[in-house]
PDB file of N, CA and C in Angstrom:
ATOM      1  N   UNK A   1       0.811  -1.189   0.000  1.00  0.00           N
ATOM      2  CA  UNK A   1       0.000   0.000   0.000  1.00  0.00           C
ATOM      3  C   UNK A   1       0.864   1.266   0.000  1.00  0.00           C
ATOM      4  N   UNK A   2       1.892   1.285   0.858  1.00  0.00           N
ATOM      5  CA  UNK A   2       2.771   2.447   0.902  1.00  0.00           C
ATOM      6  C   UNK A   2       3.555   2.573  -0.391  1.00  0.00           C
ATOM      7  N   UNK A   3       3.947   1.460  -0.947  1.00  0.00           N
ATOM      8  CA  UNK A   3       4.784   1.466  -2.142  1.00  0.00           C
ATOM      9  C   UNK A   3       4.046   2.133  -3.296  1.00  0.00           C
ATOM     10  N   UNK A   4       2.806   1.719  -3.539  1.00  0.00           N
ATOM     11  CA  UNK A   4       2.044   2.255  -4.666  1.00  0.00           C
ATOM     12  C   UNK A   4       1.589   3.688  -4.430  1.00  0.00           C
ATOM     13  N   UNK A   5       0.883   3.912  -3.351  1.00  0.00           N
ATOM     14  CA  UNK A   5       0.234   5.201  -3.143  1.00  0.00           C
ATOM     15  C   UNK A   5       1.200   6.313  -2.779  1.00  0.00           C
ATOM     16  N   UNK A   6       2.188   6.022  -1.929  1.00  0.00           N
ATOM     17  CA  UNK A   6       3.023   7.092  -1.419  1.00  0.00           C
ATOM     18  C   UNK A   6       4.448   7.062  -1.939  1.00  0.00           C
ATOM     19  N   UNK A   7       4.734   6.141  -2.821  1.00  0.00           N
ATOM     20  CA  UNK A   7       6.042   6.105  -3.441  1.00  0.00           C
ATOM     21  C   UNK A   7       7.166   5.684  -2.516  1.00  0.00           C
ATOM     22  N   UNK A   8       6.843   4.922  -1.468  1.00  0.00           N
ATOM     23  CA  UNK A   8       7.877   4.420  -0.565  1.00  0.00           C
ATOM     24  C   UNK A   8       8.574   3.250  -1.249  1.00  0.00           C
ATOM     25  N   UNK A   9       9.907   3.269  -1.335  1.00  0.00           N
ATOM     26  CA  UNK A   9      10.622   2.174  -1.990  1.00  0.00           C
ATOM     27  C   UNK A   9      10.349   0.827  -1.313  1.00  0.00           C
ATOM     28  N   UNK A  10      10.186  -0.217  -2.104  1.00  0.00           N
ATOM     29  CA  UNK A  10       9.891  -1.557  -1.596  1.00  0.00           C
ATOM     30  C   UNK A  10      10.906  -2.002  -0.554  1.00  0.00           C
ATOM     31  N   UNK A  11      12.177  -1.643  -0.745  1.00  0.00           N
ATOM     32  CA  UNK A  11      13.210  -2.066   0.204  1.00  0.00           C
ATOM     33  C   UNK A  11      13.048  -1.404   1.572  1.00  0.00           C
ATOM     34  N   UNK A  12      12.298  -0.288   1.658  1.00  0.00           N
ATOM     35  CA  UNK A  12      11.998   0.323   2.947  1.00  0.00           C
ATOM     36  C   UNK A  12      10.706  -0.230   3.544  1.00  0.00           C
ATOM     37  N   UNK A  13       9.832  -0.706   2.703  1.00  0.00           N
ATOM     38  CA  UNK A  13       8.533  -1.195   3.155  1.00  0.00           C
ATOM     39  C   UNK A  13       8.635  -2.565   3.810  1.00  0.00           C
ATOM     40  N   UNK A  14       9.369  -3.460   3.209  1.00  0.00           N
ATOM     41  CA  UNK A  14       9.539  -4.809   3.749  1.00  0.00           C
ATOM     42  C   UNK A  14      10.898  -4.858   4.432  1.00  0.00           C
ATOM     43  N   UNK A  15      10.892  -5.174   5.725  1.00  0.00           N
ATOM     44  CA  UNK A  15      12.145  -5.148   6.470  1.00  0.00           C
ATOM     45  C   UNK A  15      12.331  -6.419   7.283  1.00  0.00           C
ATOM     46  N   UNK A  16      13.401  -6.454   8.062  1.00  0.00           N
ATOM     47  CA  UNK A  16      13.748  -7.646   8.844  1.00  0.00           C
ATOM     48  C   UNK A  16      12.776  -7.907   9.989  1.00  0.00           C
ATOM     49  N   UNK A  17      11.923  -6.937  10.317  1.00  0.00           N
ATOM     50  CA  UNK A  17      10.960  -7.105  11.398  1.00  0.00           C
ATOM     51  C   UNK A  17       9.663  -7.786  10.952  1.00  0.00           C
ATOM     52  N   UNK A  18       9.415  -7.814   9.655  1.00  0.00           N
ATOM     53  CA  UNK A  18       8.166  -8.398   9.150  1.00  0.00           C
ATOM     54  C   UNK A  18       7.924  -9.835   9.614  1.00  0.00           C
ATOM     55  N   UNK A  19       8.909 -10.724   9.552  1.00  0.00           N
ATOM     56  CA  UNK A  19       8.627 -12.116   9.948  1.00  0.00           C
ATOM     57  C   UNK A  19       8.214 -12.278  11.412  1.00  0.00           C
ATOM     58  N   UNK A  20       8.718 -11.420  12.306  1.00  0.00           N
ATOM     59  CA  UNK A  20       8.380 -11.556  13.722  1.00  0.00           C
ATOM     60  C   UNK A  20       7.209 -10.667  14.143  1.00  0.00           C
ATOM     61  N   UNK A  21       6.733  -9.810  13.262  1.00  0.00           N
ATOM     62  CA  UNK A  21       5.635  -8.894  13.575  1.00  0.00           C
ATOM     63  C   UNK A  21       4.296  -9.621  13.521  1.00  0.00           C
ATOM     64  N   UNK A  22       3.341  -9.073  14.259  1.00  0.00           N
ATOM     65  CA  UNK A  22       1.952  -9.511  14.145  1.00  0.00           C
ATOM     66  C   UNK A  22       1.280  -8.553  13.178  1.00  0.00           C
ATOM     67  N   UNK A  23       0.711  -9.098  12.116  1.00  0.00           N
ATOM     68  CA  UNK A  23       0.070  -8.280  11.088  1.00  0.00           C
ATOM     69  C   UNK A  23      -1.443  -8.385  11.219  1.00  0.00           C
ATOM     70  N   UNK A  24      -2.119  -7.237  11.115  1.00  0.00           N
ATOM     71  CA  UNK A  24      -3.574  -7.193  11.106  1.00  0.00           C
ATOM     72  C   UNK A  24      -3.977  -6.711   9.715  1.00  0.00           C
ATOM     73  N   UNK A  25      -4.878  -7.465   9.092  1.00  0.00           N
ATOM     74  CA  UNK A  25      -5.330  -7.139   7.741  1.00  0.00           C
ATOM     75  C   UNK A  25      -6.834  -6.905   7.757  1.00  0.00           C
ATOM     76  N   UNK A  26      -7.294  -5.967   6.956  1.00  0.00           N
ATOM     77  CA  UNK A  26      -8.723  -5.697   6.825  1.00  0.00           C
ATOM     78  C   UNK A  26      -9.158  -6.075   5.416  1.00  0.00           C
ATOM     79  N   UNK A  27     -10.294  -6.736   5.345  1.00  0.00           N
ATOM     80  CA  UNK A  27     -10.866  -7.152   4.067  1.00  0.00           C
ATOM     81  C   UNK A  27     -12.315  -6.700   3.993  1.00  0.00           C
ATOM     82  N   UNK A  28     -12.752  -6.394   2.799  1.00  0.00           N
ATOM     83  CA  UNK A  28     -14.165  -6.124   2.553  1.00  0.00           C
ATOM     84  C   UNK A  28     -14.556  -6.863   1.284  1.00  0.00           C
ATOM     85  N   UNK A  29     -15.526  -7.751   1.419  1.00  0.00           N
ATOM     86  CA  UNK A  29     -15.991  -8.572   0.292  1.00  0.00           C
ATOM     87  C   UNK A  29     -14.824  -9.241  -0.421  1.00  0.00           C
ATOM     88  N   UNK A  30     -13.891  -9.770   0.367  1.00  0.00           N
ATOM     89  CA  UNK A  30     -12.757 -10.503  -0.173  1.00  0.00           C
ATOM     90  C   UNK A  30     -11.613  -9.648  -0.690  1.00  0.00           C
ATOM     91  N   UNK A  31     -11.770  -8.319  -0.651  1.00  0.00           N
ATOM     92  CA  UNK A  31     -10.722  -7.414  -1.131  1.00  0.00           C
ATOM     93  C   UNK A  31      -9.905  -6.899   0.048  1.00  0.00           C
ATOM     94  N   UNK A  32      -8.585  -6.955  -0.082  1.00  0.00           N
ATOM     95  CA  UNK A  32      -7.663  -6.442   0.936  1.00  0.00           C
ATOM     96  C   UNK A  32      -7.729  -4.923   0.914  1.00  0.00           C
ATOM     97  N   UNK A  33      -8.126  -4.300   2.059  1.00  0.00           N
ATOM     98  CA  UNK A  33      -8.315  -2.849   2.062  1.00  0.00           C
ATOM     99  C   UNK A  33      -7.481  -2.097   3.096  1.00  0.00           C
ATOM    100  N   UNK A  34      -6.851  -2.818   4.043  1.00  0.00           N
ATOM    101  CA  UNK A  34      -6.068  -2.118   5.053  1.00  0.00           C
ATOM    102  C   UNK A  34      -5.146  -3.042   5.816  1.00  0.00           C
ATOM    103  N   UNK A  35      -4.157  -2.446   6.468  1.00  0.00           N
ATOM    104  CA  UNK A  35      -3.165  -3.233   7.188  1.00  0.00           C
ATOM    105  C   UNK A  35      -2.520  -2.420   8.307  1.00  0.00           C
ATOM    106  N   UNK A  36      -1.909  -3.135   9.222  1.00  0.00           N
ATOM    107  CA  UNK A  36      -1.095  -2.552  10.280  1.00  0.00           C
ATOM    108  C   UNK A  36      -0.280  -3.671  10.902  1.00  0.00           C
ATOM    109  N   UNK A  37       0.787  -3.326  11.614  1.00  0.00           N
ATOM    110  CA  UNK A  37       1.586  -4.376  12.246  1.00  0.00           C
ATOM    111  C   UNK A  37       2.029  -3.945  13.632  1.00  0.00           C
ATOM    112  N   UNK A  38       2.311  -4.949  14.458  1.00  0.00           N
ATOM    113  CA  UNK A  38       2.784  -4.757  15.812  1.00  0.00           C
ATOM    114  C   UNK A  38       4.101  -5.487  15.962  1.00  0.00           C
ATOM    115  N   UNK A  39       5.124  -4.763  16.400  1.00  0.00           N
ATOM    116  CA  UNK A  39       6.446  -5.341  16.615  1.00  0.00           C
ATOM    117  C   UNK A  39       6.797  -5.168  18.087  1.00  0.00           C
ATOM    118  N   UNK A  40       7.016  -6.276  18.795  1.00  0.00           N
ATOM    119  CA  UNK A  40       7.417  -6.216  20.193  1.00  0.00           C
ATOM    120  C   UNK A  40       8.893  -5.837  20.252  1.00  0.00           C
ATOM    121  N   UNK A  41       9.195  -4.788  21.023  1.00  0.00           N
ATOM    122  CA  UNK A  41      10.562  -4.272  21.120  1.00  0.00           C
ATOM    123  C   UNK A  41      11.281  -4.773  22.361  1.00  0.00           C
ATOM    124  N   UNK A  42      10.548  -5.273  23.333  1.00  0.00           N
ATOM    125  CA  UNK A  42      11.130  -5.675  24.613  1.00  0.00           C
ATOM    126  C   UNK A  42      10.924  -4.599  25.657  1.00  0.00           C
ATOM    127  N   UNK A  43      11.235  -4.914  26.913  1.00  0.00           N
ATOM    128  CA  UNK A  43      11.070  -3.980  28.026  1.00  0.00           C
ATOM    129  C   UNK A  43       9.658  -3.400  28.103  1.00  0.00           C
ATOM    130  N   UNK A  44       8.638  -4.204  27.763  1.00  0.00           N
ATOM    131  CA  UNK A  44       7.254  -3.756  27.853  1.00  0.00           C
ATOM    132  C   UNK A  44       6.826  -2.788  26.777  1.00  0.00           C
ATOM    133  N   UNK A  45       7.617  -2.692  25.696  1.00  0.00           N
ATOM    134  CA  UNK A  45       7.304  -1.765  24.615  1.00  0.00           C
ATOM    135  C   UNK A  45       7.070  -2.498  23.305  1.00  0.00           C
ATOM    136  N   UNK A  46       6.237  -1.894  22.467  1.00  0.00           N
ATOM    137  CA  UNK A  46       6.003  -2.404  21.117  1.00  0.00           C
ATOM    138  C   UNK A  46       5.787  -1.214  20.194  1.00  0.00           C
ATOM    139  N   UNK A  47       5.979  -1.460  18.916  1.00  0.00           N
ATOM    140  CA  UNK A  47       5.803  -0.405  17.917  1.00  0.00           C
ATOM    141  C   UNK A  47       4.713  -0.806  16.935  1.00  0.00           C
ATOM    142  N   UNK A  48       3.820   0.130  16.694  1.00  0.00           N
ATOM    143  CA  UNK A  48       2.806  -0.041  15.660  1.00  0.00           C
ATOM    144  C   UNK A  48       3.343   0.621  14.403  1.00  0.00           C
ATOM    145  N   UNK A  49       3.155  -0.042  13.278  1.00  0.00           N
ATOM    146  CA  UNK A  49       3.639   0.524  12.023  1.00  0.00           C
ATOM    147  C   UNK A  49       2.910  -0.056  10.831  1.00  0.00           C
ATOM    148  N   UNK A  50       3.285   0.441   9.684  1.00  0.00           N
ATOM    149  CA  UNK A  50       2.737  -0.016   8.413  1.00  0.00           C
ATOM    150  C   UNK A  50       1.217   0.095   8.370  1.00  0.00           C
ATOM    151  N   UNK A  51       0.682   1.124   9.064  1.00  0.00           N
ATOM    152  CA  UNK A  51      -0.757   1.376   9.027  1.00  0.00           C
ATOM    153  C   UNK A  51      -1.094   2.004   7.681  1.00  0.00           C
ATOM    154  N   UNK A  52      -2.050   1.403   6.999  1.00  0.00           N
ATOM    155  CA  UNK A  52      -2.490   1.947   5.718  1.00  0.00           C
ATOM    156  C   UNK A  52      -3.875   1.421   5.391  1.00  0.00           C
ATOM    157  N   UNK A  53      -4.686   2.272   4.793  1.00  0.00           N
ATOM    158  CA  UNK A  53      -6.016   1.903   4.318  1.00  0.00           C
ATOM    159  C   UNK A  53      -6.147   2.467   2.904  1.00  0.00           C
ATOM    160  N   UNK A  54      -6.655   1.654   1.992  1.00  0.00           N
ATOM    161  CA  UNK A  54      -6.863   2.134   0.627  1.00  0.00           C
ATOM    162  C   UNK A  54      -7.717   3.400   0.647  1.00  0.00           C
ATOM    163  N   UNK A  55      -7.387   4.354  -0.210  1.00  0.00           N
ATOM    164  CA  UNK A  55      -8.016   5.676  -0.201  1.00  0.00           C
ATOM    165  C   UNK A  55      -9.542   5.614  -0.225  1.00  0.00           C
ATOM    166  N   UNK A  56     -10.106   4.743  -1.029  1.00  0.00           N
ATOM    167  CA  UNK A  56     -11.569   4.710  -1.151  1.00  0.00           C
ATOM    168  C   UNK A  56     -12.279   4.135   0.070  1.00  0.00           C
ATOM    169  N   UNK A  57     -11.508   3.593   1.035  1.00  0.00           N
ATOM    170  CA  UNK A  57     -12.095   3.028   2.250  1.00  0.00           C
ATOM    171  C   UNK A  57     -11.767   3.853   3.495  1.00  0.00           C
ATOM    172  N   UNK A  58     -11.111   4.990   3.322  1.00  0.00           N
ATOM    173  CA  UNK A  58     -10.794   5.848   4.461  1.00  0.00           C
ATOM    174  C   UNK A  58     -12.060   6.549   4.956  1.00  0.00           C
ATOM    175  N   UNK A  59     -11.996   6.997   6.190  1.00  0.00           N
ATOM    176  CA  UNK A  59     -13.125   7.676   6.842  1.00  0.00           C
ATOM    177  C   UNK A  59     -14.350   6.775   6.971  1.00  0.00           C
ATOM    178  N   UNK A  60     -14.095   5.468   7.080  1.00  0.00           N
ATOM    179  CA  UNK A  60     -15.155   4.484   7.279  1.00  0.00           C
ATOM    180  C   UNK A  60     -14.835   3.597   8.488  1.00  0.00           C
ATOM    181  N   UNK A  61     -13.954   4.056   9.345  1.00  0.00           N
ATOM    182  CA  UNK A  61     -13.561   3.377  10.594  1.00  0.00           C
ATOM    183  C   UNK A  61     -12.679   2.154  10.378  1.00  0.00           C
ATOM    184  N   UNK A  62     -12.203   1.916   9.165  1.00  0.00           N
ATOM    185  CA  UNK A  62     -11.328   0.765   8.918  1.00  0.00           C
ATOM    186  C   UNK A  62     -10.017   0.928   9.683  1.00  0.00           C
ATOM    187  N   UNK A  63      -9.394   2.090   9.585  1.00  0.00           N
ATOM    188  CA  UNK A  63      -8.140   2.336  10.293  1.00  0.00           C
ATOM    189  C   UNK A  63      -8.323   2.265  11.798  1.00  0.00           C
ATOM    190  N   UNK A  64      -9.434   2.778  12.290  1.00  0.00           N
ATOM    191  CA  UNK A  64      -9.724   2.719  13.721  1.00  0.00           C
ATOM    192  C   UNK A  64      -9.848   1.271  14.182  1.00  0.00           C
ATOM    193  N   UNK A  65     -10.489   0.442  13.385  1.00  0.00           N
ATOM    194  CA  UNK A  65     -10.633  -0.972  13.733  1.00  0.00           C
ATOM    195  C   UNK A  65      -9.282  -1.692  13.719  1.00  0.00           C
ATOM    196  N   UNK A  66      -8.459  -1.397  12.726  1.00  0.00           N
ATOM    197  CA  UNK A  66      -7.127  -2.014  12.658  1.00  0.00           C
ATOM    198  C   UNK A  66      -6.304  -1.592  13.878  1.00  0.00           C
ATOM    199  N   UNK A  67      -6.272  -0.294  14.151  1.00  0.00           N
ATOM    200  CA  UNK A  67      -5.491   0.209  15.275  1.00  0.00           C
ATOM    201  C   UNK A  67      -6.022  -0.344  16.601  1.00  0.00           C
ATOM    202  N   UNK A  68      -7.328  -0.416  16.747  1.00  0.00           N
ATOM    203  CA  UNK A  68      -7.917  -0.985  17.951  1.00  0.00           C
ATOM    204  C   UNK A  68      -7.509  -2.431  18.166  1.00  0.00           C
ATOM    205  N   UNK A  69      -7.486  -3.195  17.098  1.00  0.00           N
ATOM    206  CA  UNK A  69      -7.073  -4.602  17.199  1.00  0.00           C
ATOM    207  C   UNK A  69      -5.595  -4.708  17.586  1.00  0.00           C
ATOM    208  N   UNK A  70      -4.749  -3.852  17.010  1.00  0.00           N
ATOM    209  CA  UNK A  70      -3.325  -3.853  17.360  1.00  0.00           C
ATOM    210  C   UNK A  70      -3.124  -3.493  18.831  1.00  0.00           C
ATOM    211  N   UNK A  71      -3.881  -2.520  19.323  1.00  0.00           N
ATOM    212  CA  UNK A  71      -3.791  -2.143  20.738  1.00  0.00           C
ATOM    213  C   UNK A  71      -4.235  -3.310  21.612  1.00  0.00           C
ATOM    214  N   UNK A  72      -5.324  -3.972  21.244  1.00  0.00           N
ATOM    215  CA  UNK A  72      -5.800  -5.142  22.000  1.00  0.00           C
ATOM    216  C   UNK A  72      -4.755  -6.245  22.035  1.00  0.00           C
ATOM    217  N   UNK A  73      -4.114  -6.500  20.902  1.00  0.00           N
ATOM    218  CA  UNK A  73      -3.069  -7.530  20.842  1.00  0.00           C
ATOM    219  C   UNK A  73      -1.886  -7.164  21.741  1.00  0.00           C
ATOM    220  N   UNK A  74      -1.542  -5.877  21.769  1.00  0.00           N
ATOM    221  CA  UNK A  74      -0.449  -5.424  22.641  1.00  0.00           C
ATOM    222  C   UNK A  74      -0.814  -5.650  24.104  1.00  0.00           C
ATOM    223  N   UNK A  75      -2.033  -5.316  24.478  1.00  0.00           N
ATOM    224  CA  UNK A  75      -2.477  -5.520  25.859  1.00  0.00           C
ATOM    225  C   UNK A  75      -2.401  -6.987  26.246  1.00  0.00           C
ATOM    226  N   UNK A  76      -2.826  -7.870  25.340  1.00  0.00           N
ATOM    227  CA  UNK A  76      -2.784  -9.304  25.615  1.00  0.00           C
ATOM    228  C   UNK A  76      -1.365  -9.804  25.856  1.00  0.00           C
ATOM    229  N   UNK A  77      -0.381  -9.115  25.294  1.00  0.00           N
ATOM    230  CA  UNK A  77       1.019  -9.501  25.446  1.00  0.00           C
ATOM    231  C   UNK A  77       1.702  -8.764  26.593  1.00  0.00           C
ATOM    232  N   UNK A  78       0.934  -8.005  27.358  1.00  0.00           N
ATOM    233  CA  UNK A  78       1.500  -7.302  28.502  1.00  0.00           C
ATOM    234  C   UNK A  78       2.295  -6.058  28.150  1.00  0.00           C
ATOM    235  N   UNK A  79       2.100  -5.538  26.960  1.00  0.00           N
ATOM    236  CA  UNK A  79       2.811  -4.328  26.542  1.00  0.00           C
ATOM    237  C   UNK A  79       2.288  -3.144  27.359  1.00  0.00           C
ATOM    238  N   UNK A  80       3.202  -2.300  27.799  1.00  0.00           N
ATOM    239  CA  UNK A  80       2.835  -1.137  28.609  1.00  0.00           C
ATOM    240  C   UNK A  80       2.949   0.180  27.834  1.00  0.00           C
ATOM    241  N   UNK A  81       3.790   0.186  26.791  1.00  0.00           N
ATOM    242  CA  UNK A  81       3.994   1.419  26.032  1.00  0.00           C
ATOM    243  C   UNK A  81       4.026   1.085  24.540  1.00  0.00           C
ATOM    244  N   UNK A  82       3.164   1.776  23.793  1.00  0.00           N
ATOM    245  CA  UNK A  82       3.161   1.647  22.341  1.00  0.00           C
ATOM    246  C   UNK A  82       3.768   2.899  21.736  1.00  0.00           C
ATOM    247  N   UNK A  83       4.590   2.713  20.718  1.00  0.00           N
ATOM    248  CA  UNK A  83       5.173   3.833  19.988  1.00  0.00           C
ATOM    249  C   UNK A  83       4.825   3.671  18.513  1.00  0.00           C
ATOM    250  N   UNK A  84       4.797   4.775  17.809  1.00  0.00           N
ATOM    251  CA  UNK A  84       4.618   4.721  16.354  1.00  0.00           C
ATOM    252  C   UNK A  84       5.220   5.954  15.723  1.00  0.00           C
ATOM    253  N   UNK A  85       5.515   5.859  14.452  1.00  0.00           N
ATOM    254  CA  UNK A  85       6.013   6.982  13.652  1.00  0.00           C
ATOM    255  C   UNK A  85       4.840   7.433  12.792  1.00  0.00           C
ATOM    256  N   UNK A  86       4.229   8.541  13.153  1.00  0.00           N
ATOM    257  CA  UNK A  86       3.056   9.021  12.432  1.00  0.00           C
ATOM    258  C   UNK A  86       3.437  10.035  11.362  1.00  0.00           C
ATOM    259  N   UNK A  87       2.837   9.878  10.197  1.00  0.00           N
ATOM    260  CA  UNK A  87       2.931  10.957   9.233  1.00  0.00           C
ATOM    261  C   UNK A  87       2.244  12.158   9.875  1.00  0.00           C
ATOM    262  N   UNK A  88       2.788  13.334   9.683  1.00  0.00           N
ATOM    263  CA  UNK A  88       2.244  14.533  10.315  1.00  0.00           C
ATOM    264  C   UNK A  88       0.753  14.689  10.009  1.00  0.00           C
ATOM    265  N   UNK A  89       0.353  14.403   8.789  1.00  0.00           N
ATOM    266  CA  UNK A  89      -1.055  14.537   8.414  1.00  0.00           C
ATOM    267  C   UNK A  89      -1.962  13.564   9.165  1.00  0.00           C
ATOM    268  N   UNK A  90      -1.418  12.465   9.675  1.00  0.00           N
ATOM    269  CA  UNK A  90      -2.225  11.446  10.362  1.00  0.00           C
ATOM    270  C   UNK A  90      -2.256  11.634  11.878  1.00  0.00           C
ATOM    271  N   UNK A  91      -1.563  12.626  12.408  1.00  0.00           N
ATOM    272  CA  UNK A  91      -1.515  12.827  13.859  1.00  0.00           C
ATOM    273  C   UNK A  91      -2.918  12.920  14.475  1.00  0.00           C
ATOM    274  N   UNK A  92      -3.850  13.698  13.904  1.00  0.00           N
ATOM    275  CA  UNK A  92      -5.186  13.773  14.525  1.00  0.00           C
ATOM    276  C   UNK A  92      -5.882  12.409  14.629  1.00  0.00           C
ATOM    277  N   UNK A  93      -5.678  11.539  13.670  1.00  0.00           N
ATOM    278  CA  UNK A  93      -6.253  10.187  13.717  1.00  0.00           C
ATOM    279  C   UNK A  93      -5.765   9.443  14.949  1.00  0.00           C
ATOM    280  N   UNK A  94      -4.460   9.439  15.180  1.00  0.00           N
ATOM    281  CA  UNK A  94      -3.894   8.730  16.323  1.00  0.00           C
ATOM    282  C   UNK A  94      -4.252   9.405  17.647  1.00  0.00           C
ATOM    283  N   UNK A  95      -4.335  10.735  17.651  1.00  0.00           N
ATOM    284  CA  UNK A  95      -4.704  11.446  18.875  1.00  0.00           C
ATOM    285  C   UNK A  95      -6.103  11.049  19.343  1.00  0.00           C
ATOM    286  N   UNK A  96      -7.011  10.797  18.407  1.00  0.00           N
ATOM    287  CA  UNK A  96      -8.376  10.393  18.770  1.00  0.00           C
ATOM    288  C   UNK A  96      -8.386   9.093  19.567  1.00  0.00           C
ATOM    289  N   UNK A  97      -7.362   8.265  19.390  1.00  0.00           N
ATOM    290  CA  UNK A  97      -7.286   6.994  20.094  1.00  0.00           C
ATOM    291  C   UNK A  97      -6.308   7.042  21.270  1.00  0.00           C
ATOM    292  N   UNK A  98      -5.917   8.263  21.662  1.00  0.00           N
ATOM    293  CA  UNK A  98      -5.143   8.428  22.881  1.00  0.00           C
ATOM    294  C   UNK A  98      -3.645   8.585  22.727  1.00  0.00           C
ATOM    295  N   UNK A  99      -3.118   8.507  21.517  1.00  0.00           N
ATOM    296  CA  UNK A  99      -1.682   8.668  21.322  1.00  0.00           C
ATOM    297  C   UNK A  99      -1.304  10.135  21.508  1.00  0.00           C
ATOM    298  N   UNK A 100      -0.101  10.363  22.036  1.00  0.00           N
ATOM    299  CA  UNK A 100       0.422  11.702  22.270  1.00  0.00           C
ATOM    300  C   UNK A 100       1.686  11.912  21.441  1.00  0.00           C
ATOM    301  N   UNK A 101       1.815  13.111  20.876  1.00  0.00           N
ATOM    302  CA  UNK A 101       3.006  13.472  20.097  1.00  0.00           C
ATOM    303  C   UNK A 101       4.199  13.590  21.027  1.00  0.00           C
ATOM    304  N   UNK A 102       5.343  13.126  20.543  1.00  0.00           N
ATOM    305  CA  UNK A 102       6.578  13.197  21.321  1.00  0.00           C
ATOM    306  C   UNK A 102       7.731  13.515  20.368  1.00  0.00           C
ATOM    307  N   UNK A 103       8.457  14.569  20.639  1.00  0.00           N
ATOM    308  CA  UNK A 103       9.644  14.887  19.854  1.00  0.00           C
ATOM    309  C   UNK A 103       9.358  15.711  18.607  1.00  0.00           C
ATOM    310  N   UNK A 104      10.440  16.046  17.891  1.00  0.00           N
ATOM    311  CA  UNK A 104      10.349  16.931  16.726  1.00  0.00           C
ATOM    312  C   UNK A 104       9.882  16.197  15.462  1.00  0.00           C
ATOM    313  N   UNK A 105       9.585  16.983  14.451  1.00  0.00           N
ATOM    314  CA  UNK A 105       9.255  16.443  13.123  1.00  0.00           C
ATOM    315  C   UNK A 105      10.540  15.990  12.454  1.00  0.00           C
ATOM    316  N   UNK A 106      10.475  14.876  11.721  1.00  0.00           N
ATOM    317  CA  UNK A 106      11.627  14.345  10.998  1.00  0.00           C
ATOM    318  C   UNK A 106      11.154  13.730   9.684  1.00  0.00           C
ATOM    319  N   UNK A 107      12.102  13.479   8.805  1.00  0.00           N
ATOM    320  CA  UNK A 107      11.796  12.904   7.497  1.00  0.00           C
ATOM    321  C   UNK A 107      11.968  11.387   7.550  1.00  0.00           C
ATOM    322  N   UNK A 108      10.964  10.675   7.055  1.00  0.00           N
ATOM    323  CA  UNK A 108      11.057   9.227   6.912  1.00  0.00           C
ATOM    324  C   UNK A 108      10.503   8.879   5.535  1.00  0.00           C
ATOM    325  N   UNK A 109      11.339   8.332   4.680  1.00  0.00           N
ATOM    326  CA  UNK A 109      10.968   7.976   3.303  1.00  0.00           C
ATOM    327  C   UNK A 109      10.406   9.177   2.539  1.00  0.00           C
ATOM    328  N   UNK A 110      10.958  10.372   2.828  1.00  0.00           N
ATOM    329  CA  UNK A 110      10.539  11.576   2.113  1.00  0.00           C
ATOM    330  C   UNK A 110       9.225  12.170   2.603  1.00  0.00           C
ATOM    331  N   UNK A 111       8.715  11.701   3.752  1.00  0.00           N
ATOM    332  CA  UNK A 111       7.437  12.162   4.296  1.00  0.00           C
ATOM    333  C   UNK A 111       7.675  12.665   5.728  1.00  0.00           C
ATOM    334  N   UNK A 112       7.158  13.861   6.088  1.00  0.00           N
ATOM    335  CA  UNK A 112       7.341  14.353   7.455  1.00  0.00           C
ATOM    336  C   UNK A 112       6.585  13.483   8.471  1.00  0.00           C
ATOM    337  N   UNK A 113       7.280  13.134   9.552  1.00  0.00           N
ATOM    338  CA  UNK A 113       6.737  12.277  10.607  1.00  0.00           C
ATOM    339  C   UNK A 113       7.018  12.883  11.977  1.00  0.00           C
ATOM    340  N   UNK A 114       6.252  12.401  12.973  1.00  0.00           N
ATOM    341  CA  UNK A 114       6.534  12.663  14.384  1.00  0.00           C
ATOM    342  C   UNK A 114       6.280  11.379  15.153  1.00  0.00           C
ATOM    343  N   UNK A 115       7.046  11.174  16.201  1.00  0.00           N
ATOM    344  CA  UNK A 115       6.827  10.019  17.057  1.00  0.00           C
ATOM    345  C   UNK A 115       5.594  10.263  17.922  1.00  0.00           C
ATOM    346  N   UNK A 116       4.883   9.177  18.217  1.00  0.00           N
ATOM    347  CA  UNK A 116       3.734   9.235  19.106  1.00  0.00           C
ATOM    348  C   UNK A 116       3.803   8.053  20.062  1.00  0.00           C
ATOM    349  N   UNK A 117       3.237   8.232  21.257  1.00  0.00           N
ATOM    350  CA  UNK A 117       3.244   7.155  22.253  1.00  0.00           C
ATOM    351  C   UNK A 117       1.860   6.999  22.868  1.00  0.00           C
ATOM    352  N   UNK A 118       1.601   5.805  23.356  1.00  0.00           N
ATOM    353  CA  UNK A 118       0.387   5.499  24.106  1.00  0.00           C
ATOM    354  C   UNK A 118       0.801   4.609  25.275  1.00  0.00           C
ATOM    355  N   UNK A 119       0.524   5.061  26.481  1.00  0.00           N
ATOM    356  CA  UNK A 119       0.799   4.270  27.675  1.00  0.00           C
ATOM    357  C   UNK A 119      -0.456   3.451  27.963  1.00  0.00           C
ATOM    358  N   UNK A 120      -0.283   2.129  28.044  1.00  0.00           N
ATOM    359  CA  UNK A 120      -1.413   1.235  28.277  1.00  0.00           C
ATOM    360  C   UNK A 120      -1.559   0.957  29.772  1.00  0.00           C
ATOM    361  N   UNK A 121      -2.807   0.806  30.223  1.00  0.00           N
ATOM    362  CA  UNK A 121      -3.012   0.503  31.643  1.00  0.00           C
ATOM    363  C   UNK A 121      -2.448  -0.865  32.000  1.00  0.00           C
ATOM    364  N   UNK A 122      -1.974  -0.990  33.236  1.00  0.00           N
ATOM    365  CA  UNK A 122      -1.401  -2.271  33.683  1.00  0.00           C
ATOM    366  C   UNK A 122      -2.492  -3.244  34.048  1.00  0.00           C
TER     367      UNK A 122
END
């Protein structure tokens, strides 16, 4: 999804963390429409990444459902802190689900990003 729509090089999209990550996929009528992944980092932390929803399915709660499932999976694994690299334009989406901006804006794959965190209840 990132490769086609946003021009992210394939070698940046698929990395060494993919095999150990938990991937959540969204389908509608058999069509793949969204994705996200959870990577356990250790020390009670995990990273959410590779969140994407096809343009024609945005603003229909697909991303919210994917992110909610990733958060639930993190809780089941005892994760206490979730981190993610948000595109600046997507910050309001993550804020609605409790994530907080942390640190300065930086470039990732030619797109401005900011780190965000969510502390999960024990």
